[in-house]
Amino acid sequence: MKTSLFGSTGLAMLLFLAAPVWAADETESATAKEMNLALLARIEKLEAELAAVREAVQQSTAIATRAETNATKTAASVIKVKKFASAAADASYAGAPSDSKWHLAGYADVGFVGSNGPNADSFVTGKFNPSFHFQYKDKLIFESELEFLTTSDGKTEIELEYSQVDLFLNDNMTLVMGKFLSPIGQFQERLHPSWINRIQGAPAGFGHDGIQPASDTGFQLRGIIPLAKSKWTYAIAVGNGPRTNSEGGVAFEGVGRDDNRNKSVGGRVGFFPTPYLEIGGSYLTTRVNGYMGPGAPGLILGGPIDARYELWGFDASLTKGALAARVEYLSSNRDMLFSSTLEDPAGILLPELGMEAWYGQVSYRLSKIGDSDFIHKLEPVIRYGEFRISGQNELEEENAQNRLNIGLNYWLSPTIVTKAGLEWRDFTVAGVDSETLYQFQMAYGF
């Protein structure tokens, strides 16, 4: 009985003592199971992410392959186009479009002119002057300017201002052939476009009926001679030259056919001691024939039928910042000759003709005055000039004068300007009344 009791009791005690161990083992087993489940979940997530990355890489590879294929096709197409263009150029001519380019420029203006004299106040349509430039490589440029204007009776006139070929011989020398603006002086060649000219109209003696040649037909050699910090410019011209007109004066427009065998020779030399200061001198010499009007006899007897004509002058310009100052002087002389005129169609001995003109001009842009944008676009200008004529009474009565201009310009843009000004013309011949003009103009360079 003792043994059985002890055995039963011992067994119970063993079971009691082993219970916590069995419980601990079961807890550890559950924890491990949970950890295994978490690990499996994480592995599955990583596998899913890896699969997504693998798919993205496969898609990127496919896109890159398609892009490479498209680029290859595009390159092949470009090569075909180049071959086609090259074949087209070879099959056409040396001046293919790839070697040539063109440019349209020019200017236009409108305005109003009032007067206290006999002329009526008038709105003026001004001019439209398109200029065309065609360039072949870096070898030559063809340039031409047309002028469209409305006459006082409402008709439209078209004039060829110039039409020339510029052949670039080297970096410092150009050969010009055709009808070109005269290089004598500065105003006609450089300043006459209305959007460049600071005052409406030309100075006295420098317009189309003045002393300065407007254009000529022939050729000229022009260029630049650099010398250290200074430079020289030159223009040497040979052309048909001026002609005697129906009023007994001299016409300086380029003509398509000469009326004598003598050619005009002249040009201009300029010196730049600094980039903003230029000093120049001009000279021209030729012979002019007498004018042959409709009523003139075939052979004029009564004096020389041609005469020597000479012109010389100097000019200077200072353009620095907002300041622009200019002065220009020209003097000419034509010997006596026998010529037909409107008043004497059968011919008359014209005396020696002398002409002299000069002007000085100063303008200043108010770009650094105050803080107002309106003030910065204003530009006051003043110009004074004189024109003297001797030996031809009719020309002297019409044109000999002292002229004063004052004006105020407003620049809407670098190439669009409005001008308002006054012009006083004091005619120097007795009996010819002075005149005051009120001027307004808008000019556009393009």
Protein backbone atom coordinates (compact mmCIF):
# COMPACT_ATOMS: atom_id res chain seq x y z
CA MET A 1 0.00 0.00 0.00
CA LYS A 2 2.83 2.33 0.79
CA THR A 3 4.55 1.61 -2.46
CA SER A 4 1.41 2.11 -4.54
CA LEU A 5 0.60 5.27 -2.75
CA PHE A 6 4.05 6.61 -3.23
CA GLY A 7 3.97 5.67 -6.88
CA SER A 8 0.71 7.42 -7.48
CA THR A 9 1.76 10.41 -5.55
CA GLY A 10 5.11 10.54 -7.30
CA LEU A 11 3.48 10.32 -10.69
CA ALA A 12 1.16 13.13 -9.83
CA MET A 13 4.03 15.22 -8.58
CA LEU A 14 5.99 14.53 -11.77
CA LEU A 15 3.03 15.56 -13.87
CA PHE A 16 2.62 18.69 -11.81
CA LEU A 17 6.27 19.59 -12.20
CA ALA A 18 6.36 18.84 -15.98
CA ALA A 19 3.27 20.89 -16.84
CA PRO A 20 5.08 24.26 -17.01
CA VAL A 21 7.76 22.81 -19.28
CA TRP A 22 5.12 21.42 -21.61
CA ALA A 23 3.38 24.79 -21.60
CA ALA A 24 6.65 26.60 -22.38
CA ASP A 25 7.35 24.30 -25.25
CA GLU A 26 3.91 24.91 -26.69
CA THR A 27 4.40 28.72 -26.38
CA GLU A 28 7.78 28.58 -28.06
CA SER A 29 6.30 26.49 -30.79
CA ALA A 30 3.52 29.04 -31.42
CA THR A 31 6.01 31.93 -31.51
CA ALA A 32 8.22 30.15 -33.99
CA LYS A 33 5.20 29.42 -36.10
CA GLU A 34 4.22 33.07 -36.15
CA MET A 35 7.76 34.07 -37.05
CA ASN A 36 7.79 31.58 -39.85
CA LEU A 37 4.51 32.88 -41.16
CA ALA A 38 5.79 36.49 -41.06
CA LEU A 39 8.97 35.46 -42.81
CA LEU A 40 7.01 33.64 -45.49
CA ALA A 41 4.82 36.74 -46.01
CA ARG A 42 7.86 38.98 -46.36
CA ILE A 43 9.46 36.55 -48.78
CA GLU A 44 6.28 36.49 -50.85
CA LYS A 45 6.22 40.33 -50.86
CA LEU A 46 9.83 40.50 -51.95
CA GLU A 47 9.15 37.96 -54.66
CA ALA A 48 6.22 40.09 -55.88
CA GLU A 49 8.35 43.25 -55.89
CA LEU A 50 11.12 41.41 -57.71
CA ALA A 51 8.60 40.23 -60.30
CA ALA A 52 7.38 43.82 -60.75
CA VAL A 53 10.95 45.07 -61.19
CA ARG A 54 11.64 42.28 -63.66
CA GLU A 55 8.53 43.26 -65.64
CA ALA A 56 9.49 46.96 -65.60
CA VAL A 57 12.98 46.13 -66.85
CA GLN A 58 11.50 44.00 -69.60
CA GLN A 59 9.15 46.85 -70.59
CA SER A 60 12.04 49.41 -70.56
CA THR A 61 14.10 47.09 -72.69
CA ALA A 62 11.24 46.82 -75.14
CA ILE A 63 10.78 50.59 -75.24
CA ALA A 64 14.50 51.15 -75.70
CA THR A 65 14.52 48.59 -78.50
CA ARG A 66 11.59 50.33 -80.22
CA ALA A 67 13.27 53.76 -79.76
CA GLU A 68 16.51 52.43 -81.23
CA THR A 69 14.59 50.98 -84.16
CA ASN A 70 12.76 54.31 -84.78
CA ALA A 71 16.02 56.26 -84.52
CA THR A 72 17.61 53.95 -87.07
CA LYS A 73 14.67 54.45 -89.43
CA THR A 74 14.79 58.23 -88.94
CA ALA A 75 18.53 58.34 -89.63
CA ALA A 76 17.96 56.35 -92.80
CA SER A 77 15.24 58.82 -93.87
CA VAL A 78 17.56 61.79 -93.23
CA ILE A 79 20.26 60.18 -95.34
CA LYS A 80 17.73 59.67 -98.16
CA VAL A 81 16.62 63.34 -97.97
CA LYS A 82 20.22 64.56 -98.03
CA LYS A 83 20.97 62.38 -101.04
CA PHE A 84 17.84 63.69 -102.78
CA ALA A 85 18.70 67.34 -102.01
CA SER A 86 22.27 66.84 -103.19
CA ALA A 87 21.08 65.25 -106.40
CA ALA A 88 18.58 68.08 -106.95
CA ALA A 89 21.29 70.67 -106.42
CA ASP A 90 23.67 68.91 -108.80
CA ALA A 91 20.90 68.65 -111.38
CA SER A 92 19.95 72.34 -111.20
CA TYR A 93 22.66 75.05 -111.19
CA ALA A 94 25.57 76.38 -109.17
CA GLY A 95 23.43 78.95 -107.36
CA ALA A 96 21.20 76.40 -105.71
CA PRO A 97 18.83 77.56 -102.93
CA SER A 98 21.14 76.05 -100.32
CA ASP A 99 23.87 78.46 -101.48
CA SER A 100 21.66 81.54 -101.81
CA LYS A 101 19.52 83.59 -99.49
CA TRP A 102 17.52 86.76 -99.80
CA HIS A 103 16.36 89.56 -97.54
CA LEU A 104 13.70 92.26 -97.76
CA ALA A 105 14.30 95.64 -96.16
CA GLY A 106 13.35 99.26 -96.84
CA TYR A 107 11.31 102.08 -95.39
CA ALA A 108 8.04 103.98 -95.69
CA ASP A 109 6.65 107.25 -94.38
CA VAL A 110 3.52 109.39 -94.18
CA GLY A 111 3.11 112.96 -93.01
CA PHE A 112 1.74 116.46 -93.18
CA VAL A 113 3.25 119.72 -94.43
CA GLY A 114 1.74 123.14 -93.74
CA SER A 115 3.02 126.50 -94.93
CA ASN A 116 2.41 130.21 -94.48
CA GLY A 117 3.33 130.69 -98.14
CA PRO A 118 1.37 130.17 -101.36
CA ASN A 119 1.52 126.37 -101.16
CA ALA A 120 -1.56 124.67 -99.70
CA ASP A 121 -1.39 122.68 -96.49
CA SER A 122 -1.35 119.01 -97.44
CA PHE A 123 -1.33 115.53 -96.05
CA VAL A 124 1.39 113.62 -97.85
CA THR A 125 1.44 109.87 -98.38
CA GLY A 126 5.19 109.93 -98.47
CA LYS A 127 7.06 107.04 -100.05
CA PHE A 128 7.32 103.29 -99.98
CA ASN A 129 10.84 102.09 -100.70
CA PRO A 130 11.34 98.31 -100.60
CA SER A 131 14.92 97.10 -100.91
CA PHE A 132 15.76 93.58 -102.05
CA HIS A 133 19.00 91.74 -101.25
CA PHE A 134 20.02 88.42 -102.82
CA GLN A 135 23.27 86.86 -101.60
CA TYR A 136 25.21 83.98 -103.14
CA LYS A 137 27.45 82.35 -100.52
CA ASP A 138 30.01 84.90 -99.33
CA LYS A 139 30.93 85.93 -102.88
CA LEU A 140 28.40 88.53 -104.00
CA ILE A 141 25.16 90.37 -103.23
CA PHE A 142 22.64 91.78 -105.67
CA GLU A 143 20.68 94.64 -104.12
CA SER A 144 18.04 96.93 -105.52
CA GLU A 145 15.67 99.58 -104.17
CA LEU A 146 12.41 100.77 -105.72
CA GLU A 147 10.58 103.95 -104.79
CA PHE A 148 6.79 104.16 -105.00
CA LEU A 149 5.36 107.64 -104.53
CA THR A 150 2.13 109.51 -105.18
CA THR A 151 2.41 112.68 -107.26
CA SER A 152 0.52 115.92 -106.58
CA ASP A 153 -2.09 114.97 -109.20
CA GLY A 154 -2.75 111.54 -107.69
CA LYS A 155 -0.66 109.39 -110.00
CA THR A 156 1.76 106.74 -108.80
CA GLU A 157 5.36 106.90 -109.92
CA ILE A 158 7.91 104.10 -109.63
CA GLU A 159 11.60 104.86 -109.72
CA LEU A 160 14.66 102.65 -109.50
CA GLU A 161 16.80 104.19 -106.77
CA TYR A 162 19.66 101.76 -107.30
CA SER A 163 20.32 98.30 -108.69
CA GLN A 164 23.79 96.90 -108.21
CA VAL A 165 25.96 93.82 -107.82
CA ASP A 166 28.47 93.81 -104.95
CA LEU A 167 31.34 91.41 -105.64
CA PHE A 168 33.47 90.73 -102.55
CA LEU A 169 37.08 90.60 -103.74
CA ASN A 170 38.41 90.13 -100.21
CA ASP A 171 37.57 91.12 -96.64
CA ASN A 172 38.54 94.76 -97.27
CA MET A 173 37.59 95.37 -100.91
CA THR A 174 34.30 95.24 -102.84
CA LEU A 175 33.61 95.85 -106.53
CA VAL A 176 30.21 97.49 -107.12
CA MET A 177 28.62 97.45 -110.60
CA GLY A 178 25.33 98.90 -111.84
CA LYS A 179 23.30 101.89 -110.71
CA PHE A 180 24.44 102.90 -107.23
CA LEU A 181 23.95 105.74 -104.77
CA SER A 182 26.71 108.29 -105.25
CA PRO A 183 29.56 108.02 -102.71
CA ILE A 184 30.16 111.80 -102.91
CA GLY A 185 29.52 113.23 -99.44
CA GLN A 186 27.43 111.49 -96.79
CA PHE A 187 23.79 112.50 -96.94
CA GLN A 188 22.58 110.79 -100.12
CA GLU A 189 24.33 107.48 -99.58
CA ARG A 190 23.86 107.11 -95.81
CA LEU A 191 21.23 109.45 -94.38
CA HIS A 192 18.45 110.14 -96.88
CA PRO A 193 16.03 107.29 -95.85
CA SER A 194 13.27 108.95 -93.84
CA TRP A 195 13.64 106.71 -90.76
CA ILE A 196 17.38 107.58 -90.59
CA ASN A 197 17.09 111.26 -91.50
CA ARG A 198 16.40 113.11 -88.24
CA ILE A 199 14.43 115.89 -90.00
CA GLN A 200 11.69 115.67 -92.59
CA GLY A 201 13.33 116.54 -95.91
CA ALA A 202 16.92 117.05 -97.05
CA PRO A 203 19.16 119.99 -96.17
CA ALA A 204 19.15 122.87 -98.64
CA GLY A 205 21.23 121.87 -101.68
CA PHE A 206 21.40 118.17 -100.76
CA GLY A 207 18.13 116.97 -102.28
CA HIS A 208 17.40 115.73 -105.77
CA ASP A 209 17.66 119.26 -107.26
CA GLY A 210 20.75 120.30 -105.33
CA ILE A 211 24.49 120.11 -105.66
CA GLN A 212 25.04 116.60 -104.30
CA PRO A 213 24.91 113.73 -106.82
CA ALA A 214 22.10 111.31 -106.00
CA SER A 215 23.20 108.30 -108.03
CA ASP A 216 25.32 107.17 -110.96
CA THR A 217 25.62 104.22 -113.31
CA GLY A 218 28.98 102.52 -113.71
CA PHE A 219 31.26 100.82 -111.21
CA GLN A 220 33.08 101.63 -108.01
CA LEU A 221 35.79 100.05 -105.92
CA ARG A 222 35.31 100.55 -102.21
CA GLY A 223 36.61 99.16 -98.98
CA ILE A 224 38.52 99.70 -95.77
CA ILE A 225 42.19 99.99 -94.77
CA PRO A 226 42.67 99.15 -91.07
CA LEU A 227 45.59 100.85 -89.33
CA ALA A 228 46.14 99.93 -85.67
CA LYS A 229 43.34 101.59 -83.70
CA SER A 230 42.21 103.78 -86.63
CA LYS A 231 41.04 103.00 -90.16
CA TRP A 232 40.57 104.52 -93.60
CA THR A 233 37.65 103.96 -95.95
CA TYR A 234 37.64 104.62 -99.68
CA ALA A 235 35.23 104.63 -102.63
CA ILE A 236 36.48 105.26 -106.18
CA ALA A 237 33.72 105.50 -108.80
CA VAL A 238 33.61 105.70 -112.60
CA GLY A 239 30.23 106.35 -114.22
CA ASN A 240 28.17 108.03 -116.91
CA GLY A 241 28.12 111.15 -114.75
CA PRO A 242 25.76 114.15 -114.59
CA ARG A 243 23.94 115.85 -117.46
CA THR A 244 22.82 119.37 -118.31
CA ASN A 245 19.09 119.63 -117.70
CA SER A 246 16.38 121.66 -119.42
CA GLU A 247 16.72 124.53 -116.91
CA GLY A 248 20.40 125.02 -117.60
CA GLY A 249 21.49 123.32 -114.40
CA VAL A 250 23.09 119.95 -113.72
CA ALA A 251 21.14 116.72 -113.13
CA PHE A 252 22.79 114.10 -110.93
CA GLU A 253 20.61 111.03 -111.46
CA GLY A 254 22.13 107.78 -112.73
CA VAL A 255 21.17 107.21 -116.37
CA GLY A 256 21.13 104.05 -118.44
CA ARG A 257 22.99 105.56 -121.41
CA ASP A 258 25.59 108.31 -121.55
CA ASP A 259 25.20 111.30 -123.88
CA ASN A 260 28.95 111.69 -124.47
CA ARG A 261 32.18 109.69 -124.41
CA ASN A 262 33.42 111.32 -121.22
CA LYS A 263 32.98 109.46 -117.96
CA SER A 264 32.86 110.93 -114.49
CA VAL A 265 35.63 109.96 -112.07
CA GLY A 266 35.28 110.64 -108.37
CA GLY A 267 34.94 109.24 -104.92
CA ARG A 268 35.38 109.76 -101.24
CA VAL A 269 38.04 109.00 -98.62
CA GLY A 270 37.11 108.72 -94.93
CA PHE A 271 39.29 108.59 -91.83
CA PHE A 272 38.25 107.19 -88.44
CA PRO A 273 40.69 108.32 -85.74
CA THR A 274 38.25 106.75 -83.26
CA PRO A 275 35.25 104.44 -83.85
CA TYR A 276 32.77 107.28 -83.27
CA LEU A 277 34.44 110.08 -85.29
CA GLU A 278 34.77 110.19 -89.09
CA ILE A 279 36.32 112.88 -91.29
CA GLY A 280 35.89 112.62 -95.06
CA GLY A 281 36.72 114.34 -98.34
CA SER A 282 35.06 113.98 -101.76
CA TYR A 283 35.93 114.90 -105.35
CA LEU A 284 34.36 114.42 -108.80
CA THR A 285 35.37 115.56 -112.28
CA THR A 286 33.74 115.08 -115.71
CA ARG A 287 32.55 116.85 -118.85
CA VAL A 288 28.89 117.57 -119.58
CA ASN A 289 27.23 118.20 -122.94
CA GLY A 290 24.67 120.89 -123.67
CA TYR A 291 21.02 119.88 -123.35
CA MET A 292 19.37 118.92 -126.66
CA GLY A 293 15.70 119.83 -126.38
CA PRO A 294 12.95 119.02 -128.91
CA GLY A 295 13.36 122.41 -130.63
CA ALA A 296 17.15 122.46 -130.72
CA PRO A 297 18.92 122.17 -134.10
CA GLY A 298 20.86 119.05 -134.86
CA LEU A 299 24.18 120.93 -134.66
CA ILE A 300 24.49 123.76 -132.17
CA LEU A 301 26.76 126.59 -133.30
CA GLY A 302 27.44 129.51 -131.04
CA GLY A 303 29.84 128.30 -128.37
CA PRO A 304 31.30 125.22 -126.70
CA ILE A 305 28.87 122.32 -126.66
CA ASP A 306 30.49 120.65 -123.67
CA ALA A 307 32.11 121.94 -120.48
CA ARG A 308 34.23 120.80 -117.58
CA TYR A 309 32.38 120.10 -114.34
CA GLU A 310 34.14 119.71 -110.98
CA LEU A 311 32.85 119.12 -107.47
CA TRP A 312 34.67 118.82 -104.16
CA GLY A 313 33.76 118.83 -100.49
CA PHE A 314 34.37 117.57 -97.00
CA ASP A 315 32.27 116.18 -94.16
CA ALA A 316 32.58 115.09 -90.54
CA SER A 317 30.36 113.13 -88.18
CA LEU A 318 30.47 112.43 -84.47
CA THR A 319 28.15 109.68 -83.22
CA LYS A 320 28.79 108.78 -79.61
CA GLY A 321 26.07 107.47 -77.35
CA ALA A 322 22.98 109.68 -77.44
CA LEU A 323 24.79 112.47 -79.34
CA ALA A 324 24.96 112.73 -83.15
CA ALA A 325 26.60 115.77 -84.77
CA ARG A 326 27.28 116.27 -88.49
CA VAL A 327 28.64 118.88 -90.86
CA GLU A 328 28.93 118.65 -94.64
CA TYR A 329 30.16 121.08 -97.33
CA LEU A 330 30.10 120.82 -101.14
CA SER A 331 31.22 123.23 -103.87
CA SER A 332 30.96 122.79 -107.66
CA ASN A 333 31.75 124.67 -110.85
CA ARG A 334 30.69 124.16 -114.47
CA ASP A 335 32.29 126.10 -117.31
CA MET A 336 30.18 127.97 -119.87
CA LEU A 337 28.58 126.03 -122.71
CA PHE A 338 25.96 126.38 -125.42
CA SER A 339 22.75 124.55 -124.52
CA SER A 340 19.06 124.37 -125.22
CA THR A 341 16.66 125.32 -122.41
CA LEU A 342 12.89 125.44 -121.94
CA GLU A 343 12.95 129.22 -122.35
CA ASP A 344 15.39 129.13 -125.30
CA PRO A 345 14.79 125.86 -127.17
CA ALA A 346 17.04 126.97 -130.04
CA GLY A 347 19.98 127.27 -127.67
CA ILE A 348 21.71 129.88 -125.53
CA LEU A 349 25.22 130.36 -124.17
CA LEU A 350 25.01 129.48 -120.52
CA PRO A 351 27.48 131.33 -118.28
CA GLU A 352 29.74 129.67 -115.77
CA LEU A 353 27.64 128.00 -113.05
CA GLY A 354 28.78 127.86 -109.44
CA MET A 355 26.98 126.12 -106.56
CA GLU A 356 27.84 125.88 -102.89
CA ALA A 357 25.96 124.19 -100.05
CA TRP A 358 26.64 123.25 -96.45
CA TYR A 359 24.76 122.25 -93.32
CA GLY A 360 25.40 121.43 -89.68
CA GLN A 361 23.14 119.24 -87.56
CA VAL A 362 23.00 118.15 -83.92
CA SER A 363 20.60 115.68 -82.28
CA TYR A 364 20.54 114.29 -78.76
CA ARG A 365 18.50 111.36 -77.46
CA LEU A 366 17.21 111.97 -73.92
CA SER A 367 17.75 108.35 -72.93
CA LYS A 368 19.62 109.19 -69.71
CA ILE A 369 17.53 112.15 -68.56
CA GLY A 370 15.26 111.38 -65.59
CA ASP A 371 13.34 108.19 -64.98
CA SER A 372 10.45 108.59 -67.43
CA ASP A 373 10.23 106.13 -70.33
CA PHE A 374 8.45 108.83 -72.35
CA ILE A 375 11.33 111.29 -71.89
CA HIS A 376 13.87 108.61 -72.76
CA LYS A 377 12.29 108.20 -76.22
CA LEU A 378 12.46 111.90 -77.10
CA GLU A 379 15.15 113.36 -79.35
CA PRO A 380 15.44 117.12 -80.04
CA VAL A 381 17.28 118.08 -83.23
CA ILE A 382 18.46 121.31 -84.88
CA ARG A 383 19.90 121.86 -88.36
CA TYR A 384 21.09 124.94 -90.21
CA GLY A 385 22.28 125.15 -93.80
CA GLU A 386 22.87 127.46 -96.76
CA PHE A 387 22.64 127.01 -100.53
CA ARG A 388 24.24 129.51 -102.93
CA ILE A 389 23.96 129.59 -106.74
CA SER A 390 25.64 131.94 -109.20
CA GLY A 391 25.41 132.19 -112.99
CA GLN A 392 21.85 130.92 -113.44
CA ASN A 393 19.17 133.39 -112.33
CA GLU A 394 16.23 131.00 -112.52
CA LEU A 395 17.95 128.37 -110.39
CA GLU A 396 19.06 131.02 -107.91
CA GLU A 397 15.54 132.40 -107.43
CA GLU A 398 14.09 128.95 -106.80
CA ASN A 399 16.76 127.44 -104.58
CA ALA A 400 19.26 129.92 -103.09
CA GLN A 401 18.37 130.15 -99.41
CA ASN A 402 19.29 129.92 -95.74
CA ARG A 403 17.38 127.17 -93.97
CA LEU A 404 16.82 126.53 -90.26
CA ASN A 405 15.11 123.44 -88.87
CA ILE A 406 14.18 122.58 -85.31
CA GLY A 407 12.35 119.40 -84.41
CA LEU A 408 11.39 116.92 -81.75
CA ASN A 409 11.35 113.21 -82.49
CA TYR A 410 9.70 110.39 -80.54
CA TRP A 411 11.02 106.87 -81.07
CA LEU A 412 8.33 104.22 -80.73
CA SER A 413 10.98 101.59 -81.48
CA PRO A 414 14.54 101.60 -82.83
CA THR A 415 13.16 101.80 -86.40
CA ILE A 416 9.85 103.67 -85.96
CA VAL A 417 9.94 107.41 -85.36
CA THR A 418 7.46 110.29 -85.32
CA LYS A 419 8.79 113.76 -86.12
CA ALA A 420 7.36 117.20 -85.47
CA GLY A 421 9.24 120.27 -86.62
CA LEU A 422 9.42 123.79 -88.01
CA GLU A 423 11.40 124.87 -91.05
CA TRP A 424 12.29 128.49 -91.91
CA ARG A 425 13.37 129.16 -95.49
CA ASP A 426 14.98 132.55 -96.05
CA PHE A 427 15.43 133.01 -99.80
CA THR A 428 18.39 135.22 -100.56
CA VAL A 429 17.24 136.64 -103.90
CA ALA A 430 15.51 140.03 -103.64
CA GLY A 431 11.75 139.84 -104.13
CA VAL A 432 11.40 136.20 -103.10
CA ASP A 433 9.42 135.92 -99.85
CA SER A 434 10.59 133.78 -96.98
CA GLU A 435 8.52 130.78 -95.95
CA THR A 436 7.75 128.83 -92.78
CA LEU A 437 6.82 125.15 -92.95
CA TYR A 438 5.05 123.07 -90.28
CA GLN A 439 6.01 119.45 -90.60
CA PHE A 440 4.84 116.14 -89.16
CA GLN A 441 6.01 112.70 -90.27
CA MET A 442 5.95 109.07 -89.19
CA ALA A 443 8.65 106.90 -90.70
CA TYR A 444 9.19 103.16 -90.44
CA GLY A 445 12.34 101.26 -91.35
CA PHE A 446 12.02 97.53 -91.83
